[in-house]
Structures are given as C-alpha cells and as structure tokens.
C-alpha cells in the first residue's frame, strides 16, 4: 500500500507497549518480536493514537514542534511505512 497524506493510520491494538527512558518498547503478540522507537518516533506514535490521517499527524506535529511541514510529512510517511511493514500500525 502506498502511504500518502490521506492514509489513515492507527496503533495496532495487538502490540504490547511500555514507555522506557523516553522511548517506547513494544512487543508484537502475533509475531513474538520486540521493537523500540526513539523520541521522534514516540511523538509520531502518540499522534497516531486510535487513528488519524497522515496529514492530521503532520499538522499536529508542526503545531507542537518547530519543523518544516514538508520535512515532517516525509519523516512521518517513512515512519508509517516502516511501522506498517512490521504491523506495528494499521493503515487504510
């Protein structure tokens, strides 16, 4: 699936997550694998929540941080693509 501004992203409820030293450590119940995301990823993860479009996530991050919208969009799309490939987030 191609990720773009109108793609809706939500956290996969089958991931067990816990904050740890400014990062989030998670485990896939389905695959039995562990993952960790750093501070930038945590900001995106928090905005994903129960479901938002990529554009909504980008807009909210640009309000919170001093970041160029185009750079933010590129980074959010890359993050979502990587997380979707591991089924950490669900997209539609």
Protein backbone atom coordinates (compact mmCIF):
# COMPACT_ATOMS: atom_id res chain seq x y z
CA UNK A 1 0.00 0.00 0.00
CA UNK A 2 1.22 3.48 -0.83
CA UNK A 3 1.23 5.83 2.16
CA UNK A 4 0.15 9.40 1.42
CA UNK A 5 -1.42 12.40 3.17
CA UNK A 6 -4.91 10.88 3.19
CA UNK A 7 -3.83 7.48 4.56
CA UNK A 8 -5.40 6.76 7.94
CA UNK A 9 -3.02 5.27 10.50
CA UNK A 10 -3.81 3.74 13.87
CA UNK A 11 -1.86 1.91 16.53
CA UNK A 12 -2.18 -1.87 16.27
CA UNK A 13 -4.07 -2.96 19.40
CA UNK A 14 -2.16 -6.27 19.34
CA UNK A 15 1.07 -4.53 20.35
CA UNK A 16 2.07 -4.50 24.00
CA UNK A 17 3.79 -1.18 24.72
CA UNK A 18 5.56 0.42 27.64
CA UNK A 19 7.46 3.70 27.96
CA UNK A 20 11.10 3.35 28.99
CA UNK A 21 13.62 6.21 29.36
CA UNK A 22 11.91 8.44 26.77
CA UNK A 23 11.43 5.61 24.30
CA UNK A 24 8.66 3.09 23.77
CA UNK A 25 9.40 -0.61 23.89
CA UNK A 26 6.81 -2.84 22.30
CA UNK A 27 6.16 -6.48 21.59
CA UNK A 28 4.11 -7.96 18.80
CA UNK A 29 1.72 -10.53 20.25
CA UNK A 30 1.28 -12.05 16.78
CA UNK A 31 4.96 -12.32 15.86
CA UNK A 32 6.60 -12.50 19.29
CA UNK A 33 9.11 -9.80 18.32
CA UNK A 34 10.31 -6.80 20.30
CA UNK A 35 10.66 -3.29 18.89
CA UNK A 36 11.81 0.05 20.25
CA UNK A 37 11.12 3.56 19.00
CA UNK A 38 13.07 6.67 19.95
CA UNK A 39 11.93 10.16 20.83
CA UNK A 40 10.90 11.28 17.34
CA UNK A 41 9.04 8.03 16.81
CA UNK A 42 7.35 8.43 20.20
CA UNK A 43 5.97 11.82 19.13
CA UNK A 44 4.52 10.28 15.96
CA UNK A 45 3.25 7.21 17.85
CA UNK A 46 1.38 9.42 20.31
CA UNK A 47 -0.27 11.36 17.48
CA UNK A 48 -1.32 8.17 15.67
CA UNK A 49 -3.41 7.04 18.64
CA UNK A 50 -6.71 5.46 17.68
CA UNK A 51 -6.50 6.73 14.12
CA UNK A 52 -5.57 9.85 12.22
CA UNK A 53 -4.64 10.66 8.67
CA UNK A 54 -1.01 11.34 7.84
CA UNK A 55 -1.97 14.98 7.19
CA UNK A 56 -3.56 15.29 10.64
CA UNK A 57 -0.45 13.81 12.25
CA UNK A 58 1.82 16.18 10.31
CA UNK A 59 -0.34 19.21 11.22
CA UNK A 60 -0.35 18.31 14.91
CA UNK A 61 3.42 17.74 14.97
CA UNK A 62 4.05 21.05 13.19
CA UNK A 63 1.95 22.78 15.88
CA UNK A 64 3.99 21.14 18.68
CA UNK A 65 7.48 21.48 17.19
CA UNK A 66 9.38 23.91 15.01
CA UNK A 67 9.64 21.72 11.93
CA UNK A 68 9.18 22.32 8.22
CA UNK A 69 5.89 20.77 7.06
CA UNK A 70 7.47 19.06 4.03
CA UNK A 71 10.25 17.55 6.13
CA UNK A 72 7.73 16.46 8.74
CA UNK A 73 5.49 14.84 6.12
CA UNK A 74 8.44 12.97 4.60
CA UNK A 75 9.52 11.71 8.02
CA UNK A 76 6.01 10.71 9.09
CA UNK A 77 5.43 8.79 5.85
CA UNK A 78 8.78 6.99 6.22
CA UNK A 79 7.96 6.12 9.85
CA UNK A 80 4.47 4.87 8.96
CA UNK A 81 5.80 2.77 6.07
CA UNK A 82 8.36 1.13 8.34
CA UNK A 83 5.87 0.53 11.16
CA UNK A 84 3.18 -0.77 8.76
CA UNK A 85 5.64 -3.26 7.26
CA UNK A 86 6.06 -4.74 10.75
CA UNK A 87 2.32 -4.50 11.53
CA UNK A 88 3.02 -2.10 14.41
CA UNK A 89 0.49 0.32 12.92
CA UNK A 90 -2.53 -0.40 10.77
CA UNK A 91 -3.20 1.69 7.66
CA UNK A 92 -6.15 2.19 5.37
